[in-house]
PDB file of all heavy atoms in Angstrom:
ATOM      1  N   TYR A   1       2.882 -11.815 -12.584  1.00  0.00           N
ATOM      2  CA  TYR A   1       3.743 -10.748 -12.298  1.00  0.00           C
ATOM      3  C   TYR A   1       2.847  -9.528 -11.998  1.00  0.00           C
ATOM      4  O   TYR A   1       1.996  -9.119 -12.819  1.00  0.00           O
ATOM      5  CB  TYR A   1       4.669 -10.413 -13.467  1.00  0.00           C
ATOM      6  CG  TYR A   1       5.639  -9.279 -13.270  1.00  0.00           C
ATOM      7  CD1 TYR A   1       6.826  -9.482 -12.600  1.00  0.00           C
ATOM      8  CD2 TYR A   1       5.384  -7.977 -13.724  1.00  0.00           C
ATOM      9  CE1 TYR A   1       7.755  -8.459 -12.416  1.00  0.00           C
ATOM     10  CE2 TYR A   1       6.244  -6.961 -13.531  1.00  0.00           C
ATOM     11  CZ  TYR A   1       7.466  -7.182 -12.870  1.00  0.00           C
ATOM     12  OH  TYR A   1       8.339  -6.169 -12.695  1.00  0.00           O
ATOM     13  N   ILE A   2       3.019  -8.894 -10.807  1.00  0.00           N
ATOM     14  CA  ILE A   2       2.267  -7.716 -10.406  1.00  0.00           C
ATOM     15  C   ILE A   2       3.183  -6.505 -10.543  1.00  0.00           C
ATOM     16  O   ILE A   2       4.200  -6.397  -9.837  1.00  0.00           O
ATOM     17  CB  ILE A   2       1.703  -7.814  -8.989  1.00  0.00           C
ATOM     18  CG1 ILE A   2       0.852  -9.091  -8.795  1.00  0.00           C
ATOM     19  CG2 ILE A   2       0.895  -6.549  -8.674  1.00  0.00           C
ATOM     20  CD1 ILE A   2       0.434  -9.279  -7.347  1.00  0.00           C
ATOM     21  N   ALA A   3       2.843  -5.594 -11.431  1.00  0.00           N
ATOM     22  CA  ALA A   3       3.543  -4.342 -11.575  1.00  0.00           C
ATOM     23  C   ALA A   3       2.774  -3.268 -10.749  1.00  0.00           C
ATOM     24  O   ALA A   3       1.678  -2.841 -11.182  1.00  0.00           O
ATOM     25  CB  ALA A   3       3.667  -3.900 -13.017  1.00  0.00           C
ATOM     26  N   TYR A   4       3.277  -2.924  -9.615  1.00  0.00           N
ATOM     27  CA  TYR A   4       2.597  -1.993  -8.716  1.00  0.00           C
ATOM     28  C   TYR A   4       3.159  -0.584  -8.950  1.00  0.00           C
ATOM     29  O   TYR A   4       4.225  -0.225  -8.529  1.00  0.00           O
ATOM     30  CB  TYR A   4       2.810  -2.424  -7.276  1.00  0.00           C
ATOM     31  CG  TYR A   4       2.416  -1.424  -6.201  1.00  0.00           C
ATOM     32  CD1 TYR A   4       1.265  -0.622  -6.388  1.00  0.00           C
ATOM     33  CD2 TYR A   4       3.105  -1.344  -5.028  1.00  0.00           C
ATOM     34  CE1 TYR A   4       0.888   0.300  -5.417  1.00  0.00           C
ATOM     35  CE2 TYR A   4       2.727  -0.449  -4.005  1.00  0.00           C
ATOM     36  CZ  TYR A   4       1.624   0.376  -4.223  1.00  0.00           C
ATOM     37  OH  TYR A   4       1.252   1.269  -3.230  1.00  0.00           O
ATOM     38  N   THR A   5       2.381   0.169  -9.776  1.00  0.00           N
ATOM     39  CA  THR A   5       2.848   1.512 -10.158  1.00  0.00           C
ATOM     40  C   THR A   5       2.490   2.594  -9.141  1.00  0.00           C
ATOM     41  O   THR A   5       3.091   3.678  -9.170  1.00  0.00           O
ATOM     42  CB  THR A   5       2.216   1.890 -11.522  1.00  0.00           C
ATOM     43  OG1 THR A   5       0.793   2.164 -11.366  1.00  0.00           O
ATOM     44  CG2 THR A   5       2.418   0.824 -12.552  1.00  0.00           C
ATOM     45  N   GLY A   6       1.501   2.321  -8.326  1.00  0.00           N
ATOM     46  CA  GLY A   6       1.026   3.323  -7.336  1.00  0.00           C
ATOM     47  C   GLY A   6      -0.475   3.280  -7.287  1.00  0.00           C
ATOM     48  O   GLY A   6      -1.133   2.336  -7.677  1.00  0.00           O
ATOM     49  N   GLY A   7      -1.087   4.385  -6.780  1.00  0.00           N
ATOM     50  CA  GLY A   7      -2.507   4.453  -6.671  1.00  0.00           C
ATOM     51  C   GLY A   7      -3.024   4.179  -5.275  1.00  0.00           C
ATOM     52  O   GLY A   7      -2.296   3.788  -4.377  1.00  0.00           O
ATOM     53  N   THR A   8      -4.311   4.350  -5.123  1.00  0.00           N
ATOM     54  CA  THR A   8      -4.947   4.269  -3.844  1.00  0.00           C
ATOM     55  C   THR A   8      -4.794   2.912  -3.190  1.00  0.00           C
ATOM     56  O   THR A   8      -4.620   2.807  -1.955  1.00  0.00           O
ATOM     57  CB  THR A   8      -6.493   4.557  -3.983  1.00  0.00           C
ATOM     58  OG1 THR A   8      -6.639   5.879  -4.435  1.00  0.00           O
ATOM     59  CG2 THR A   8      -7.188   4.418  -2.659  1.00  0.00           C
ATOM     60  N   ILE A   9      -4.731   1.823  -3.957  1.00  0.00           N
ATOM     61  CA  ILE A   9      -4.742   0.477  -3.429  1.00  0.00           C
ATOM     62  C   ILE A   9      -3.658   0.204  -2.405  1.00  0.00           C
ATOM     63  O   ILE A   9      -3.864  -0.511  -1.437  1.00  0.00           O
ATOM     64  CB  ILE A   9      -4.697  -0.584  -4.571  1.00  0.00           C
ATOM     65  CG1 ILE A   9      -5.006  -1.976  -4.028  1.00  0.00           C
ATOM     66  CG2 ILE A   9      -3.351  -0.534  -5.279  1.00  0.00           C
ATOM     67  CD1 ILE A   9      -5.395  -2.992  -5.095  1.00  0.00           C
ATOM     68  N   GLY A  10      -2.489   0.822  -2.563  1.00  0.00           N
ATOM     69  CA  GLY A  10      -1.365   0.532  -1.659  1.00  0.00           C
ATOM     70  C   GLY A  10      -1.117   1.660  -0.650  1.00  0.00           C
ATOM     71  O   GLY A  10      -0.060   1.625   0.070  1.00  0.00           O
ATOM     72  N   MET A  11      -2.039   2.599  -0.547  1.00  0.00           N
ATOM     73  CA  MET A  11      -1.774   3.721   0.357  1.00  0.00           C
ATOM     74  C   MET A  11      -1.942   3.435   1.828  1.00  0.00           C
ATOM     75  O   MET A  11      -2.685   2.469   2.201  1.00  0.00           O
ATOM     76  CB  MET A  11      -2.635   4.928  -0.058  1.00  0.00           C
ATOM     77  CG  MET A  11      -2.223   5.592  -1.295  1.00  0.00           C
ATOM     78  SD  MET A  11      -3.156   7.085  -1.686  1.00  0.00           S
ATOM     79  CE  MET A  11      -2.349   7.644  -3.190  1.00  0.00           C
ATOM     80  N   MET A  12      -1.353   4.200   2.669  1.00  0.00           N
ATOM     81  CA  MET A  12      -1.426   4.008   4.131  1.00  0.00           C
ATOM     82  C   MET A  12      -2.001   5.295   4.745  1.00  0.00           C
ATOM     83  O   MET A  12      -1.760   6.409   4.275  1.00  0.00           O
ATOM     84  CB  MET A  12       0.035   3.827   4.679  1.00  0.00           C
ATOM     85  CG  MET A  12       0.150   3.620   6.145  1.00  0.00           C
ATOM     86  SD  MET A  12       1.835   3.114   6.629  1.00  0.00           S
ATOM     87  CE  MET A  12       2.678   4.706   6.349  1.00  0.00           C
ATOM     88  N   ARG A  13      -2.752   5.096   5.813  1.00  0.00           N
ATOM     89  CA  ARG A  13      -3.357   6.216   6.510  1.00  0.00           C
ATOM     90  C   ARG A  13      -2.254   7.050   7.261  1.00  0.00           C
ATOM     91  O   ARG A  13      -1.392   6.460   7.861  1.00  0.00           O
ATOM     92  CB  ARG A  13      -4.439   5.748   7.466  1.00  0.00           C
ATOM     93  CG  ARG A  13      -5.218   6.907   8.157  1.00  0.00           C
ATOM     94  CD  ARG A  13      -6.110   6.379   9.215  1.00  0.00           C
ATOM     95  NE  ARG A  13      -7.242   5.643   8.695  1.00  0.00           N
ATOM     96  CZ  ARG A  13      -8.378   6.206   8.177  1.00  0.00           C
ATOM     97  NH1 ARG A  13      -8.480   7.527   8.124  1.00  0.00           N
ATOM     98  NH2 ARG A  13      -9.312   5.441   7.730  1.00  0.00           N
ATOM     99  N   SER A  14      -2.387   8.357   7.113  1.00  0.00           N
ATOM    100  CA  SER A  14      -1.473   9.212   7.861  1.00  0.00           C
ATOM    101  C   SER A  14      -2.335  10.405   8.505  1.00  0.00           C
ATOM    102  O   SER A  14      -3.519  10.434   8.286  1.00  0.00           O
ATOM    103  CB  SER A  14      -0.425   9.858   6.949  1.00  0.00           C
ATOM    104  OG  SER A  14      -1.016  10.892   6.190  1.00  0.00           O
ATOM    105  N   ALA A  15      -1.630  11.243   9.242  1.00  0.00           N
ATOM    106  CA  ALA A  15      -2.306  12.367   9.837  1.00  0.00           C
ATOM    107  C   ALA A  15      -2.912  13.269   8.814  1.00  0.00           C
ATOM    108  O   ALA A  15      -3.823  14.117   9.054  1.00  0.00           O
ATOM    109  CB  ALA A  15      -1.373  13.143  10.755  1.00  0.00           C
ATOM    110  N   HIS A  16      -2.412  13.210   7.563  1.00  0.00           N
ATOM    111  CA  HIS A  16      -2.841  14.099   6.497  1.00  0.00           C
ATOM    112  C   HIS A  16      -3.685  13.364   5.425  1.00  0.00           C
ATOM    113  O   HIS A  16      -3.774  13.769   4.273  1.00  0.00           O
ATOM    114  CB  HIS A  16      -1.642  14.800   5.814  1.00  0.00           C
ATOM    115  CG  HIS A  16      -0.757  15.511   6.812  1.00  0.00           C
ATOM    116  ND1 HIS A  16      -1.117  16.686   7.424  1.00  0.00           N
ATOM    117  CD2 HIS A  16       0.458  15.159   7.302  1.00  0.00           C
ATOM    118  CE1 HIS A  16      -0.174  17.057   8.218  1.00  0.00           C
ATOM    119  NE2 HIS A  16       0.794  16.165   8.209  1.00  0.00           N
ATOM    120  N   GLY A  17      -4.259  12.227   5.812  1.00  0.00           N
ATOM    121  CA  GLY A  17      -4.991  11.445   4.854  1.00  0.00           C
ATOM    122  C   GLY A  17      -4.160  10.285   4.362  1.00  0.00           C
ATOM    123  O   GLY A  17      -3.049  10.003   4.845  1.00  0.00           O
ATOM    124  N   TYR A  18      -4.644   9.594   3.296  1.00  0.00           N
ATOM    125  CA  TYR A  18      -3.940   8.445   2.684  1.00  0.00           C
ATOM    126  C   TYR A  18      -2.762   8.924   1.869  1.00  0.00           C
ATOM    127  O   TYR A  18      -2.860   9.892   1.109  1.00  0.00           O
ATOM    128  CB  TYR A  18      -4.884   7.650   1.841  1.00  0.00           C
ATOM    129  CG  TYR A  18      -5.886   6.849   2.673  1.00  0.00           C
ATOM    130  CD1 TYR A  18      -7.246   7.175   2.609  1.00  0.00           C
ATOM    131  CD2 TYR A  18      -5.498   5.828   3.528  1.00  0.00           C
ATOM    132  CE1 TYR A  18      -8.181   6.436   3.359  1.00  0.00           C
ATOM    133  CE2 TYR A  18      -6.444   5.121   4.288  1.00  0.00           C
ATOM    134  CZ  TYR A  18      -7.742   5.440   4.184  1.00  0.00           C
ATOM    135  OH  TYR A  18      -8.673   4.752   4.938  1.00  0.00           O
ATOM    136  N   VAL A  19      -1.625   8.274   2.052  1.00  0.00           N
ATOM    137  CA  VAL A  19      -0.379   8.646   1.328  1.00  0.00           C
ATOM    138  C   VAL A  19       0.313   7.368   0.790  1.00  0.00           C
ATOM    139  O   VAL A  19       0.139   6.308   1.385  1.00  0.00           O
ATOM    140  CB  VAL A  19       0.616   9.369   2.274  1.00  0.00           C
ATOM    141  CG1 VAL A  19       0.062  10.757   2.688  1.00  0.00           C
ATOM    142  CG2 VAL A  19       0.954   8.526   3.483  1.00  0.00           C
ATOM    143  N   PRO A  20       1.049   7.487  -0.282  1.00  0.00           N
ATOM    144  CA  PRO A  20       1.828   6.352  -0.780  1.00  0.00           C
ATOM    145  C   PRO A  20       2.875   5.954   0.266  1.00  0.00           C
ATOM    146  O   PRO A  20       3.459   6.832   0.909  1.00  0.00           O
ATOM    147  CB  PRO A  20       2.491   6.865  -2.048  1.00  0.00           C
ATOM    148  CG  PRO A  20       1.762   8.106  -2.393  1.00  0.00           C
ATOM    149  CD  PRO A  20       1.224   8.697  -1.144  1.00  0.00           C
ATOM    150  N   ALA A  21       3.109   4.666   0.424  1.00  0.00           N
ATOM    151  CA  ALA A  21       4.087   4.203   1.432  1.00  0.00           C
ATOM    152  C   ALA A  21       4.840   2.979   0.873  1.00  0.00           C
ATOM    153  O   ALA A  21       4.238   1.922   0.781  1.00  0.00           O
ATOM    154  CB  ALA A  21       3.403   3.820   2.753  1.00  0.00           C
ATOM    155  N   PRO A  22       6.126   3.151   0.507  1.00  0.00           N
ATOM    156  CA  PRO A  22       6.869   2.020  -0.048  1.00  0.00           C
ATOM    157  C   PRO A  22       6.853   0.829   0.938  1.00  0.00           C
ATOM    158  O   PRO A  22       7.000   0.956   2.119  1.00  0.00           O
ATOM    159  CB  PRO A  22       8.293   2.602  -0.197  1.00  0.00           C
ATOM    160  CG  PRO A  22       8.068   4.084  -0.367  1.00  0.00           C
ATOM    161  CD  PRO A  22       6.884   4.428   0.536  1.00  0.00           C
ATOM    162  N   GLY A  23       6.595  -0.318   0.342  1.00  0.00           N
ATOM    163  CA  GLY A  23       6.652  -1.602   1.107  1.00  0.00           C
ATOM    164  C   GLY A  23       5.301  -1.908   1.792  1.00  0.00           C
ATOM    165  O   GLY A  23       5.103  -3.045   2.277  1.00  0.00           O
ATOM    166  N   PHE A  24       4.393  -0.970   1.865  1.00  0.00           N
ATOM    167  CA  PHE A  24       3.207  -1.180   2.721  1.00  0.00           C
ATOM    168  C   PHE A  24       2.241  -2.121   2.037  1.00  0.00           C
ATOM    169  O   PHE A  24       1.544  -2.901   2.703  1.00  0.00           O
ATOM    170  CB  PHE A  24       2.519   0.167   2.962  1.00  0.00           C
ATOM    171  CG  PHE A  24       1.290   0.108   3.885  1.00  0.00           C
ATOM    172  CD1 PHE A  24       1.439  -0.262   5.178  1.00  0.00           C
ATOM    173  CD2 PHE A  24       0.007   0.414   3.383  1.00  0.00           C
ATOM    174  CE1 PHE A  24       0.363  -0.380   6.007  1.00  0.00           C
ATOM    175  CE2 PHE A  24      -1.082   0.300   4.219  1.00  0.00           C
ATOM    176  CZ  PHE A  24      -0.895  -0.055   5.548  1.00  0.00           C
ATOM    177  N   LEU A  25       2.111  -2.083   0.680  1.00  0.00           N
ATOM    178  CA  LEU A  25       1.154  -3.022  -0.009  1.00  0.00           C
ATOM    179  C   LEU A  25       1.632  -4.469   0.217  1.00  0.00           C
ATOM    180  O   LEU A  25       0.776  -5.314   0.545  1.00  0.00           O
ATOM    181  CB  LEU A  25       1.092  -2.688  -1.489  1.00  0.00           C
ATOM    182  CG  LEU A  25       0.171  -3.583  -2.277  1.00  0.00           C
ATOM    183  CD1 LEU A  25      -1.307  -3.382  -1.851  1.00  0.00           C
ATOM    184  CD2 LEU A  25       0.338  -3.373  -3.772  1.00  0.00           C
ATOM    185  N   ALA A  26       2.905  -4.721   0.029  1.00  0.00           N
ATOM    186  CA  ALA A  26       3.425  -6.118   0.222  1.00  0.00           C
ATOM    187  C   ALA A  26       3.157  -6.576   1.652  1.00  0.00           C
ATOM    188  O   ALA A  26       2.739  -7.699   1.865  1.00  0.00           O
ATOM    189  CB  ALA A  26       4.896  -6.174  -0.118  1.00  0.00           C
ATOM    190  N   GLU A  27       3.381  -5.673   2.570  1.00  0.00           N
ATOM    191  CA  GLU A  27       3.148  -6.036   4.025  1.00  0.00           C
ATOM    192  C   GLU A  27       1.670  -6.306   4.251  1.00  0.00           C
ATOM    193  O   GLU A  27       1.358  -7.285   4.981  1.00  0.00           O
ATOM    194  CB  GLU A  27       3.614  -4.820   4.840  1.00  0.00           C
ATOM    195  CG  GLU A  27       3.550  -4.983   6.358  1.00  0.00           C
ATOM    196  CD  GLU A  27       3.940  -3.725   7.060  1.00  0.00           C
ATOM    197  OE1 GLU A  27       4.978  -3.106   6.702  1.00  0.00           O
ATOM    198  OE2 GLU A  27       3.167  -3.295   7.954  1.00  0.00           O
ATOM    199  N   SER A  28       0.793  -5.492   3.652  1.00  0.00           N
ATOM    200  CA  SER A  28      -0.647  -5.708   3.823  1.00  0.00           C
ATOM    201  C   SER A  28      -1.071  -7.048   3.239  1.00  0.00           C
ATOM    202  O   SER A  28      -1.874  -7.797   3.847  1.00  0.00           O
ATOM    203  CB  SER A  28      -1.425  -4.559   3.199  1.00  0.00           C
ATOM    204  OG  SER A  28      -1.090  -3.337   3.722  1.00  0.00           O
ATOM    205  N   MET A  29      -0.584  -7.372   2.085  1.00  0.00           N
ATOM    206  CA  MET A  29      -0.987  -8.656   1.430  1.00  0.00           C
ATOM    207  C   MET A  29      -0.480  -9.835   2.233  1.00  0.00           C
ATOM    208  O   MET A  29      -1.181 -10.874   2.333  1.00  0.00           O
ATOM    209  CB  MET A  29      -0.382  -8.707   0.024  1.00  0.00           C
ATOM    210  CG  MET A  29      -1.050  -7.732  -0.959  1.00  0.00           C
ATOM    211  SD  MET A  29      -0.271  -7.777  -2.592  1.00  0.00           S
ATOM    212  CE  MET A  29      -0.829  -9.361  -3.223  1.00  0.00           C
ATOM    213  N   GLN A  30       0.692  -9.728   2.847  1.00  0.00           N
ATOM    214  CA  GLN A  30       1.213 -10.848   3.651  1.00  0.00           C
ATOM    215  C   GLN A  30       0.284 -11.144   4.859  1.00  0.00           C
ATOM    216  O   GLN A  30       0.260 -12.281   5.367  1.00  0.00           O
ATOM    217  CB  GLN A  30       2.626 -10.534   4.110  1.00  0.00           C
ATOM    218  CG  GLN A  30       3.641 -10.707   3.013  1.00  0.00           C
ATOM    219  CD  GLN A  30       4.982 -10.006   3.322  1.00  0.00           C
ATOM    220  OE1 GLN A  30       5.218  -9.578   4.432  1.00  0.00           O
ATOM    221  NE2 GLN A  30       5.842  -9.964   2.336  1.00  0.00           N
ATOM    222  N   GLY A  31      -0.455 -10.188   5.318  1.00  0.00           N
ATOM    223  CA  GLY A  31      -1.350 -10.378   6.416  1.00  0.00           C
ATOM    224  C   GLY A  31      -2.744 -10.822   5.971  1.00  0.00           C
ATOM    225  O   GLY A  31      -3.649 -10.952   6.828  1.00  0.00           O
ATOM    226  N   MET A  32      -2.928 -11.135   4.695  1.00  0.00           N
ATOM    227  CA  MET A  32      -4.238 -11.570   4.163  1.00  0.00           C
ATOM    228  C   MET A  32      -4.088 -12.969   3.566  1.00  0.00           C
ATOM    229  O   MET A  32      -3.603 -13.151   2.483  1.00  0.00           O
ATOM    230  CB  MET A  32      -4.691 -10.569   3.080  1.00  0.00           C
ATOM    231  CG  MET A  32      -4.960  -9.171   3.614  1.00  0.00           C
ATOM    232  SD  MET A  32      -5.424  -7.992   2.337  1.00  0.00           S
ATOM    233  CE  MET A  32      -5.781  -6.551   3.338  1.00  0.00           C
ATOM    234  N   PRO A  33      -4.515 -13.989   4.347  1.00  0.00           N
ATOM    235  CA  PRO A  33      -4.337 -15.382   3.880  1.00  0.00           C
ATOM    236  C   PRO A  33      -5.005 -15.692   2.549  1.00  0.00           C
ATOM    237  O   PRO A  33      -4.673 -16.653   1.885  1.00  0.00           O
ATOM    238  CB  PRO A  33      -4.882 -16.218   5.037  1.00  0.00           C
ATOM    239  CG  PRO A  33      -5.701 -15.276   5.882  1.00  0.00           C
ATOM    240  CD  PRO A  33      -5.154 -13.938   5.655  1.00  0.00           C
TER     241      PRO A  33
END
């Protein structure tokens, strides 16, 4: 069970630097075999 509370690991690049983005970590992992 992975409890994803936040932090840099799941952030997405934006025009203002890295920001939290709901759903982005799961999407990133799905692209990593």
